[in-house]
Structure formats: structure tokens, C-alpha cells
Amino acid sequence: MNNLNLAALVKSEKSARKRMRYLALLHFTEGHSRTAIANMLKVSRTSVNTW
């Protein structure tokens, strides 16, 4: 799955929970750290690790 597919999933997903997880995955594939992703999404690093 490439970044374009993930970006499309983020935009089309109706569930906020799934959209947040897809967004975290998109950031991770772009090379961001788990800590940075947690800060960007305003969630705990533990949540990012769990996803």
C-alpha cells in the first residue's frame, strides 16, 4: 500500500477512529517517529504503539 492509497483511505473513511489510525500509518510510512506522530495527532505514544 502506498502513500496515495493511504491518503485516499484517510479522506474517505467515515469512522474517526479508523481515520486517525490510517493517518498515523501514513505518517509512519513517511518516516516520522512514533513520538512525533503522537504529538501531531495529539494522542499518547502508547496509543500510537498499540495501533
N, C-alpha and C. Protein backbone atom coordinates (compact mmCIF):
# COMPACT_ATOMS: atom_id res chain seq x y z
N MET A 1 0.85 -1.17 0.00
CA MET A 1 0.00 0.00 0.00
C MET A 1 0.90 1.24 0.00
N ASN A 2 0.65 2.14 -0.93
CA ASN A 2 1.50 3.33 -1.00
C ASN A 2 0.82 4.52 -0.33
N ASN A 3 1.54 5.62 -0.29
CA ASN A 3 1.04 6.81 0.42
C ASN A 3 -0.23 7.37 -0.20
N LEU A 4 -0.36 7.26 -1.53
CA LEU A 4 -1.57 7.77 -2.18
C LEU A 4 -2.79 6.98 -1.75
N ASN A 5 -2.64 5.66 -1.64
CA ASN A 5 -3.76 4.83 -1.19
C ASN A 5 -4.13 5.15 0.26
N LEU A 6 -3.11 5.35 1.09
CA LEU A 6 -3.38 5.68 2.50
C LEU A 6 -4.06 7.05 2.61
N ALA A 7 -3.60 8.00 1.82
CA ALA A 7 -4.21 9.33 1.85
C ALA A 7 -5.67 9.26 1.41
N ALA A 8 -5.95 8.43 0.41
CA ALA A 8 -7.33 8.25 -0.05
C ALA A 8 -8.18 7.60 1.05
N LEU A 9 -7.61 6.63 1.76
CA LEU A 9 -8.33 5.98 2.85
C LEU A 9 -8.65 6.98 3.96
N VAL A 10 -7.68 7.84 4.27
CA VAL A 10 -7.88 8.84 5.32
C VAL A 10 -9.05 9.75 4.93
N LYS A 11 -9.09 10.18 3.68
CA LYS A 11 -10.13 11.11 3.23
C LYS A 11 -11.51 10.46 3.14
N SER A 12 -11.54 9.17 2.79
CA SER A 12 -12.83 8.53 2.56
C SER A 12 -13.41 7.82 3.78
N GLU A 13 -12.58 7.59 4.80
CA GLU A 13 -13.05 6.84 5.97
C GLU A 13 -14.03 7.67 6.80
N LYS A 14 -15.15 7.08 7.15
CA LYS A 14 -16.17 7.78 7.93
C LYS A 14 -15.92 7.65 9.43
N SER A 15 -15.33 6.54 9.85
CA SER A 15 -15.05 6.31 11.26
C SER A 15 -13.85 7.15 11.69
N ALA A 16 -14.05 8.00 12.69
CA ALA A 16 -12.96 8.86 13.17
C ALA A 16 -11.82 8.02 13.72
N ARG A 17 -12.14 6.92 14.38
CA ARG A 17 -11.11 6.05 14.97
C ARG A 17 -10.23 5.46 13.87
N LYS A 18 -10.85 4.93 12.82
CA LYS A 18 -10.07 4.35 11.73
C LYS A 18 -9.29 5.42 10.98
N ARG A 19 -9.92 6.59 10.79
CA ARG A 19 -9.25 7.68 10.08
C ARG A 19 -7.97 8.08 10.81
N MET A 20 -8.04 8.14 12.13
CA MET A 20 -6.88 8.51 12.95
C MET A 20 -5.77 7.46 12.79
N ARG A 21 -6.15 6.20 12.78
CA ARG A 21 -5.16 5.13 12.64
C ARG A 21 -4.53 5.13 11.26
N TYR A 22 -5.34 5.36 10.23
CA TYR A 22 -4.79 5.45 8.87
C TYR A 22 -3.83 6.63 8.76
N LEU A 23 -4.18 7.74 9.40
CA LEU A 23 -3.33 8.92 9.37
C LEU A 23 -2.00 8.64 10.08
N ALA A 24 -2.06 7.92 11.20
CA ALA A 24 -0.84 7.54 11.91
C ALA A 24 0.03 6.66 11.02
N LEU A 25 -0.58 5.71 10.34
CA LEU A 25 0.16 4.83 9.44
C LEU A 25 0.78 5.61 8.29
N LEU A 26 0.05 6.58 7.75
CA LEU A 26 0.57 7.42 6.68
C LEU A 26 1.81 8.17 7.15
N HIS A 27 1.74 8.77 8.33
CA HIS A 27 2.89 9.49 8.88
C HIS A 27 4.07 8.55 9.11
N PHE A 28 3.78 7.34 9.57
CA PHE A 28 4.84 6.36 9.83
C PHE A 28 5.55 5.98 8.53
N THR A 29 4.79 5.78 7.45
CA THR A 29 5.40 5.44 6.16
C THR A 29 6.21 6.60 5.59
N GLU A 30 5.90 7.81 6.04
CA GLU A 30 6.67 8.98 5.61
C GLU A 30 7.94 9.16 6.42
N GLY A 31 8.15 8.29 7.41
CA GLY A 31 9.40 8.31 8.16
C GLY A 31 9.35 9.02 9.50
N HIS A 32 8.18 9.43 9.93
CA HIS A 32 8.06 10.11 11.22
C HIS A 32 8.18 9.09 12.36
N SER A 33 8.71 9.54 13.47
CA SER A 33 8.84 8.67 14.65
C SER A 33 7.48 8.52 15.33
N ARG A 34 7.37 7.51 16.16
CA ARG A 34 6.12 7.29 16.89
C ARG A 34 5.82 8.46 17.83
N THR A 35 6.87 9.01 18.42
CA THR A 35 6.69 10.16 19.31
C THR A 35 6.17 11.37 18.53
N ALA A 36 6.75 11.61 17.35
CA ALA A 36 6.32 12.73 16.52
C ALA A 36 4.87 12.55 16.06
N ILE A 37 4.52 11.32 15.70
CA ILE A 37 3.15 11.03 15.27
C ILE A 37 2.18 11.29 16.42
N ALA A 38 2.54 10.84 17.61
CA ALA A 38 1.68 11.07 18.78
C ALA A 38 1.47 12.57 19.00
N ASN A 39 2.53 13.35 18.86
CA ASN A 39 2.41 14.80 19.02
C ASN A 39 1.54 15.41 17.94
N MET A 40 1.71 14.97 16.69
CA MET A 40 0.91 15.51 15.58
C MET A 40 -0.57 15.22 15.76
N LEU A 41 -0.88 14.01 16.23
CA LEU A 41 -2.28 13.59 16.35
C LEU A 41 -2.87 13.89 17.73
N LYS A 42 -2.02 14.42 18.62
CA LYS A 42 -2.44 14.77 19.98
C LYS A 42 -3.01 13.57 20.73
N VAL A 43 -2.27 12.47 20.64
CA VAL A 43 -2.60 11.25 21.39
C VAL A 43 -1.34 10.80 22.11
N SER A 44 -1.48 9.80 22.96
CA SER A 44 -0.30 9.30 23.67
C SER A 44 0.54 8.41 22.75
N ARG A 45 1.83 8.32 23.07
CA ARG A 45 2.71 7.45 22.30
C ARG A 45 2.29 6.00 22.45
N THR A 46 1.73 5.66 23.59
CA THR A 46 1.24 4.30 23.82
C THR A 46 0.12 3.97 22.84
N SER A 47 -0.75 4.93 22.56
CA SER A 47 -1.81 4.70 21.58
C SER A 47 -1.23 4.43 20.21
N VAL A 48 -0.25 5.21 19.81
CA VAL A 48 0.39 5.01 18.51
C VAL A 48 1.05 3.64 18.46
N ASN A 49 1.72 3.24 19.53
CA ASN A 49 2.35 1.92 19.58
C ASN A 49 1.33 0.81 19.45
N THR A 50 0.17 0.98 20.07
CA THR A 50 -0.88 -0.04 20.02
C THR A 50 -1.45 -0.19 18.62
N TRP A 51 -1.62 0.93 17.91
CA TRP A 51 -2.18 0.88 16.56
C TRP A 51 -1.24 0.17 15.63
